[in-house]
Protein backbone atom coordinates (compact mmCIF):
# COMPACT_ATOMS: atom_id res chain seq x y z
CA UNK A 1 -14.15 20.10 21.29
CA UNK A 2 -13.38 17.27 22.06
CA UNK A 3 -13.27 16.48 25.81
CA UNK A 4 -10.31 14.32 24.83
CA UNK A 5 -8.95 16.98 22.56
CA UNK A 6 -9.21 19.31 26.00
CA UNK A 7 -7.34 17.62 27.75
CA UNK A 8 -5.05 17.45 25.84
CA UNK A 9 -4.18 21.24 25.16
CA UNK A 10 -4.67 21.23 29.29
CA UNK A 11 -1.82 18.96 29.79
CA UNK A 12 0.14 20.66 26.91
CA UNK A 13 -0.28 24.13 28.31
CA UNK A 14 0.45 22.58 31.52
CA UNK A 15 3.79 20.84 30.04
CA UNK A 16 5.24 24.15 28.29
CA UNK A 17 4.43 26.71 31.44
CA UNK A 18 5.86 23.93 34.11
CA UNK A 19 9.37 23.35 31.64
CA UNK A 20 9.44 27.09 32.17
CA UNK A 21 9.08 27.37 36.28
CA UNK A 22 11.76 24.05 36.63
CA UNK A 23 9.65 21.86 38.70
CA UNK A 24 10.54 18.83 36.71
CA UNK A 25 7.74 17.25 39.16
CA UNK A 26 4.26 19.29 37.70
CA UNK A 27 6.66 19.16 33.79
CA UNK A 28 6.41 14.80 34.45
CA UNK A 29 2.93 14.61 35.34
CA UNK A 30 2.04 16.59 32.96
CA UNK A 31 3.59 14.44 30.38
CA UNK A 32 1.43 11.63 31.28
CA UNK A 33 -1.69 13.65 31.27
CA UNK A 34 -0.67 14.44 27.73
CA UNK A 35 0.52 10.88 27.08
CA UNK A 36 -3.10 9.32 27.92
CA UNK A 37 -4.86 12.36 26.10
CA UNK A 38 -3.49 11.65 23.04
CA UNK A 39 -4.18 7.59 23.24
CA UNK A 40 -8.02 9.46 24.42
CA UNK A 41 -6.93 10.93 20.80
CA UNK A 42 -5.97 8.34 19.02
CA UNK A 43 -9.36 5.77 19.95
CA UNK A 44 -11.03 8.29 17.19
CA UNK A 45 -9.96 6.14 14.83
CA UNK A 46 -7.84 8.26 12.33
CA UNK A 47 -5.86 8.70 15.62
CA UNK A 48 -6.54 12.13 15.87
CA UNK A 49 -5.04 13.79 13.68
CA UNK A 50 -7.47 15.83 11.97
CA UNK A 51 -7.66 17.18 16.06
CA UNK A 52 -4.48 17.87 15.62
CA UNK A 53 -4.09 20.42 13.02
CA UNK A 54 -6.38 22.77 13.72
CA UNK A 55 -3.55 23.53 17.52
CA UNK A 56 -0.79 24.16 14.69
CA UNK A 57 -2.70 27.56 15.53
CA UNK A 58 -3.56 27.24 18.48
CA UNK A 59 -1.55 30.65 20.88
CA UNK A 60 0.12 28.92 23.02
CA UNK A 61 3.96 28.08 21.85
CA UNK A 62 4.15 24.42 24.31
CA UNK A 63 0.45 22.96 22.27
CA UNK A 64 1.53 23.71 18.57
CA UNK A 65 4.53 22.31 19.68
CA UNK A 66 3.20 18.62 21.25
CA UNK A 67 -0.08 19.08 18.08
CA UNK A 68 2.79 18.70 15.43
CA UNK A 69 5.59 16.07 17.10
CA UNK A 70 2.43 13.95 17.38
CA UNK A 71 1.74 15.34 13.47
CA UNK A 72 5.64 14.24 12.21
CA UNK A 73 4.87 11.13 10.60
CA UNK A 74 1.13 12.05 9.19
CA UNK A 75 1.46 15.73 8.11
CA UNK A 76 5.65 15.99 8.00
CA UNK A 77 5.61 19.71 6.53
CA UNK A 78 2.58 21.68 8.26
CA UNK A 79 4.17 20.19 11.21
CA UNK A 80 7.83 20.88 10.54
CA UNK A 81 6.75 24.56 9.52
CA UNK A 82 5.35 24.82 12.47
CA UNK A 83 8.17 23.56 14.91
CA UNK A 84 10.69 25.55 12.55
CA UNK A 85 8.79 28.54 13.02
CA UNK A 86 8.85 28.04 17.33
CA UNK A 87 11.94 27.13 17.37
CA UNK A 88 13.08 30.05 16.42
CA UNK A 89 12.05 32.03 19.57
CA UNK A 90 14.13 31.51 22.75
CA UNK A 91 14.18 30.10 25.39
CA UNK A 92 13.31 26.00 26.36
CA UNK A 93 9.96 25.77 24.38
CA UNK A 94 12.08 27.48 21.01
CA UNK A 95 15.09 24.98 21.88
CA UNK A 96 13.16 21.91 22.40
CA UNK A 97 11.60 23.37 18.86
CA UNK A 98 15.52 23.25 17.55
CA UNK A 99 16.18 19.93 18.88
CA UNK A 100 13.03 17.90 17.64
CA UNK A 101 13.99 19.10 13.96
CA UNK A 102 17.50 18.34 13.90
CA UNK A 103 16.34 14.52 15.48
CA UNK A 104 13.21 14.34 13.25
CA UNK A 105 15.75 14.93 10.55
CA UNK A 106 18.32 13.28 10.87
CA UNK A 107 15.96 10.17 11.39
CA UNK A 108 17.41 9.40 15.29
CA UNK A 109 13.31 10.76 16.09
CA UNK A 110 10.30 8.09 16.67
CA UNK A 111 7.10 9.73 16.90
CA UNK A 112 4.36 6.54 17.69
């Protein structure tokens, strides 16, 4: 994996863990790292989609969700399948997945 992809995975996993712990400060810090990693992936020329596709099968649901979110504009079918699957679970990560799918399908979610 590239350094940017490693950073993306670590930040996405941290974001999920801190979300479940209820630590808003650490969750926000993880989001900032995730955003920086996403920008680094974009700098790879293809916007990073090819790198993110492999993450749809990652063992951590938060990593799968973040990868799927950023893949929605370019690979909607695969991304929504992952989001819907995670959304069938329980807890905050599943709730976030359900909300993401609902807002995307309603046209109220813009992913850049």
